[in-house]
Amino acid sequence: MGMGLGLWYNPQADKDYDLQHITHDQWLRDRRNAQELGISSETQWFIANTRNIDLIRLAATMEGMVRIRDHFKYISVQIYVERGIVELLNRICLVLERRNFSKSDPLIIDNLRTNESIEITLALLRMHLTSNLPVLLKEISESDPTSVRDHHLAEIVRQGRKTATKSSAVTDP
């Protein structure tokens, strides 16, 4: 069975992008798409120089982008966030509602920064958010940001972006 609608969502710009018949990583490999989404030049360079789809997707979420995919039996959402989780979840709900995603299908939300996942319906998530009920995704303490183990591939992305910065410094006049 194929995949349903895929989206990249930039919450800062409040703009989402359709991916029809293409994967999230394939879509990002087109620099025009990555640039329009709001991906930095360092991360674009990193994406262009890796074939690992998990690293590509993680790199985009580490820049604040949200990955959404309808798998027909469930909807997956991947984020990478330390603070502001409630505000981000409210924005994601609006996107899902605007795009007419099912309110009753399971919604699996993975916070790649905190290594947490929840399974909840869109209707129940909306009810939790409007009623100020906990959503079971924690935020990172500002006083102890290392208290929660980061995604196991995050350091590879950071190093790749540093390499991109050094490469552009060498090639720029």
Protein backbone atom coordinates (compact mmCIF):
# COMPACT_ATOMS: atom_id res chain seq x y z
CA MET A 1 0.00 0.00 0.00
CA GLY A 2 1.30 3.45 -0.92
CA MET A 3 1.60 6.47 1.29
CA GLY A 4 -0.94 9.21 1.55
CA LEU A 5 -0.40 12.93 1.66
CA GLY A 6 2.92 14.09 3.01
CA LEU A 7 3.65 17.59 4.27
CA TRP A 8 6.59 19.63 5.40
CA TYR A 9 5.36 22.40 7.70
CA ASN A 10 7.32 25.48 8.72
CA PRO A 11 5.62 26.74 11.91
CA GLN A 12 7.60 30.02 11.90
CA ALA A 13 6.20 30.96 8.49
CA ASP A 14 2.96 29.03 9.10
CA LYS A 15 3.31 27.47 5.67
CA ASP A 16 2.96 23.85 4.64
CA TYR A 17 4.10 22.11 1.47
CA ASP A 18 2.46 19.10 -0.24
CA LEU A 19 4.47 16.08 -1.19
CA GLN A 20 2.61 13.99 -3.72
CA HIS A 21 4.19 10.70 -4.80
CA ILE A 22 7.56 11.63 -3.30
CA THR A 23 9.24 11.07 0.03
CA HIS A 24 10.18 13.84 2.44
CA ASP A 25 13.89 13.37 1.88
CA GLN A 26 13.54 13.32 -1.93
CA TRP A 27 11.57 16.57 -1.79
CA LEU A 28 14.26 18.22 0.35
CA ARG A 29 17.06 17.17 -2.01
CA ASP A 30 15.73 19.75 -4.45
CA ARG A 31 17.47 22.88 -3.13
CA ARG A 32 14.63 25.11 -4.34
CA ASN A 33 12.19 23.19 -2.14
CA ALA A 34 14.53 23.21 0.86
CA GLN A 35 15.16 26.92 0.46
CA GLU A 36 11.47 27.74 0.14
CA LEU A 37 10.72 25.65 3.23
CA GLY A 38 13.26 27.74 5.15
CA ILE A 39 16.16 25.31 5.47
CA SER A 40 19.53 27.00 6.07
CA SER A 41 22.29 26.80 3.46
CA GLU A 42 24.43 24.69 5.84
CA THR A 43 21.67 22.12 6.19
CA GLN A 44 20.99 22.21 2.44
CA TRP A 45 24.66 21.36 1.90
CA PHE A 46 24.42 18.55 4.45
CA ILE A 47 21.29 17.15 2.75
CA ALA A 48 22.97 17.28 -0.66
CA ASN A 49 25.92 15.31 0.69
CA THR A 50 24.14 12.46 2.45
CA ARG A 51 21.89 9.66 1.24
CA ASN A 52 20.71 8.63 4.71
CA ILE A 53 17.00 9.46 4.77
CA ASP A 54 16.87 9.49 8.57
CA LEU A 55 19.64 12.09 8.72
CA ILE A 56 17.94 14.24 6.08
CA ARG A 57 14.60 14.20 7.88
CA LEU A 58 16.24 14.81 11.25
CA ALA A 59 18.25 17.73 9.86
CA ALA A 60 15.04 19.45 8.71
CA THR A 61 13.21 18.83 11.99
CA MET A 62 16.23 20.11 13.92
CA GLU A 63 15.66 23.42 12.11
CA GLY A 64 12.10 23.52 13.45
CA MET A 65 10.30 21.95 10.50
CA VAL A 66 7.49 19.46 11.06
CA ARG A 67 7.21 16.26 9.04
CA ILE A 68 3.68 14.91 8.50
CA ARG A 69 2.66 11.79 6.59
CA ASP A 70 -0.72 10.09 6.20
CA HIS A 71 -0.20 6.32 6.28
CA PHE A 72 -3.97 5.72 5.84
CA LYS A 73 -4.27 3.77 9.12
CA TYR A 74 -2.45 6.44 11.11
CA ILE A 75 -0.88 9.87 10.68
CA SER A 76 2.75 10.37 11.69
CA VAL A 77 4.13 13.67 12.89
CA GLN A 78 7.80 14.23 13.65
CA ILE A 79 9.09 17.25 15.50
CA TYR A 80 12.31 18.26 17.22
CA VAL A 81 11.49 20.69 19.99
CA GLU A 82 12.84 21.56 23.42
CA ARG A 83 10.39 24.25 24.52
CA GLY A 84 7.07 25.63 23.30
CA ILE A 85 5.53 22.21 22.74
CA VAL A 86 1.94 23.32 23.44
CA GLU A 87 2.13 26.22 20.99
CA LEU A 88 3.67 23.96 18.34
CA LEU A 89 1.02 21.26 18.85
CA ASN A 90 -1.71 23.89 18.48
CA ARG A 91 -0.18 24.99 15.16
CA ILE A 92 0.09 21.37 14.00
CA CYS A 93 -3.56 20.78 14.90
CA LEU A 94 -4.55 23.76 12.77
CA VAL A 95 -2.60 22.40 9.79
CA LEU A 96 -4.12 18.93 10.16
CA GLU A 97 -7.62 20.38 10.50
CA ARG A 98 -7.12 22.73 7.56
CA ARG A 99 -5.97 19.77 5.44
CA ASN A 100 -8.98 17.68 6.56
CA PHE A 101 -6.99 14.89 8.15
CA SER A 102 -9.22 12.41 9.99
CA LYS A 103 -10.01 13.48 13.54
CA SER A 104 -10.42 9.84 14.59
CA ASP A 105 -7.36 8.14 13.04
CA PRO A 106 -4.43 7.54 15.37
CA LEU A 107 -1.96 10.41 15.34
CA ILE A 108 1.56 9.32 16.28
CA ILE A 109 3.68 12.26 17.36
CA ASP A 110 7.41 11.72 17.80
CA ASN A 111 9.48 14.41 19.47
CA LEU A 112 12.91 13.48 18.18
CA ARG A 113 14.62 15.82 20.66
CA THR A 114 13.20 14.16 23.77
CA ASN A 115 12.85 10.65 22.29
CA GLU A 116 9.17 10.61 23.25
CA SER A 117 6.17 9.43 21.30
CA ILE A 118 2.48 9.61 21.91
CA GLU A 119 -0.44 8.07 20.10
CA ILE A 120 -3.59 10.14 20.23
CA THR A 121 -6.39 11.09 17.87
CA LEU A 122 -6.54 14.59 16.45
CA ALA A 123 -9.89 15.10 18.21
CA LEU A 124 -8.44 14.08 21.58
CA LEU A 125 -5.30 16.16 21.05
CA ARG A 126 -7.43 19.21 20.28
CA MET A 127 -9.52 18.56 23.42
CA HIS A 128 -6.38 18.26 25.57
CA LEU A 129 -4.95 21.48 24.17
CA THR A 130 -8.16 23.53 24.54
CA SER A 131 -8.70 22.20 28.08
CA ASN A 132 -5.06 22.76 29.12
CA LEU A 133 -4.66 19.05 29.87
CA PRO A 134 -1.18 17.51 29.67
CA VAL A 135 -0.21 16.02 26.33
CA LEU A 136 2.55 13.78 27.71
CA LEU A 137 5.39 15.39 25.79
CA LYS A 138 7.86 17.13 28.07
CA GLU A 139 9.98 20.19 27.55
CA ILE A 140 13.69 20.43 28.17
CA SER A 141 14.67 22.25 31.35
CA GLU A 142 16.47 25.51 30.59
CA SER A 143 18.60 25.02 33.68
CA ASP A 144 19.62 21.48 32.66
CA PRO A 145 19.30 21.04 28.87
CA THR A 146 21.33 17.81 28.94
CA SER A 147 18.91 16.10 31.35
CA VAL A 148 17.16 14.45 28.38
CA ARG A 149 19.19 12.38 25.95
CA ASP A 150 19.16 13.81 22.42
CA HIS A 151 18.34 11.82 19.28
CA HIS A 152 21.16 9.37 18.59
CA LEU A 153 21.83 10.89 15.13
CA ALA A 154 21.66 14.57 16.17
CA GLU A 155 25.42 14.93 16.65
CA ILE A 156 26.04 13.64 13.10
CA VAL A 157 23.75 16.37 11.76
CA ARG A 158 25.50 19.03 13.86
CA GLN A 159 28.93 17.90 12.65
CA GLY A 160 27.71 17.82 9.04
CA ARG A 161 26.46 21.39 9.33
CA LYS A 162 29.83 22.47 10.81
CA THR A 163 31.58 20.84 7.86
CA ALA A 164 29.30 22.79 5.51
CA THR A 165 30.17 26.03 7.28
CA LYS A 166 33.91 25.30 6.98
CA SER A 167 33.52 24.30 3.30
CA SER A 168 31.71 27.51 2.42
CA ALA A 169 34.32 29.60 4.27
CA VAL A 170 37.07 27.99 2.19
CA THR A 171 35.28 28.39 -1.15
CA ASP A 172 33.90 31.89 -0.61
CA PRO A 173 36.29 34.70 -1.68
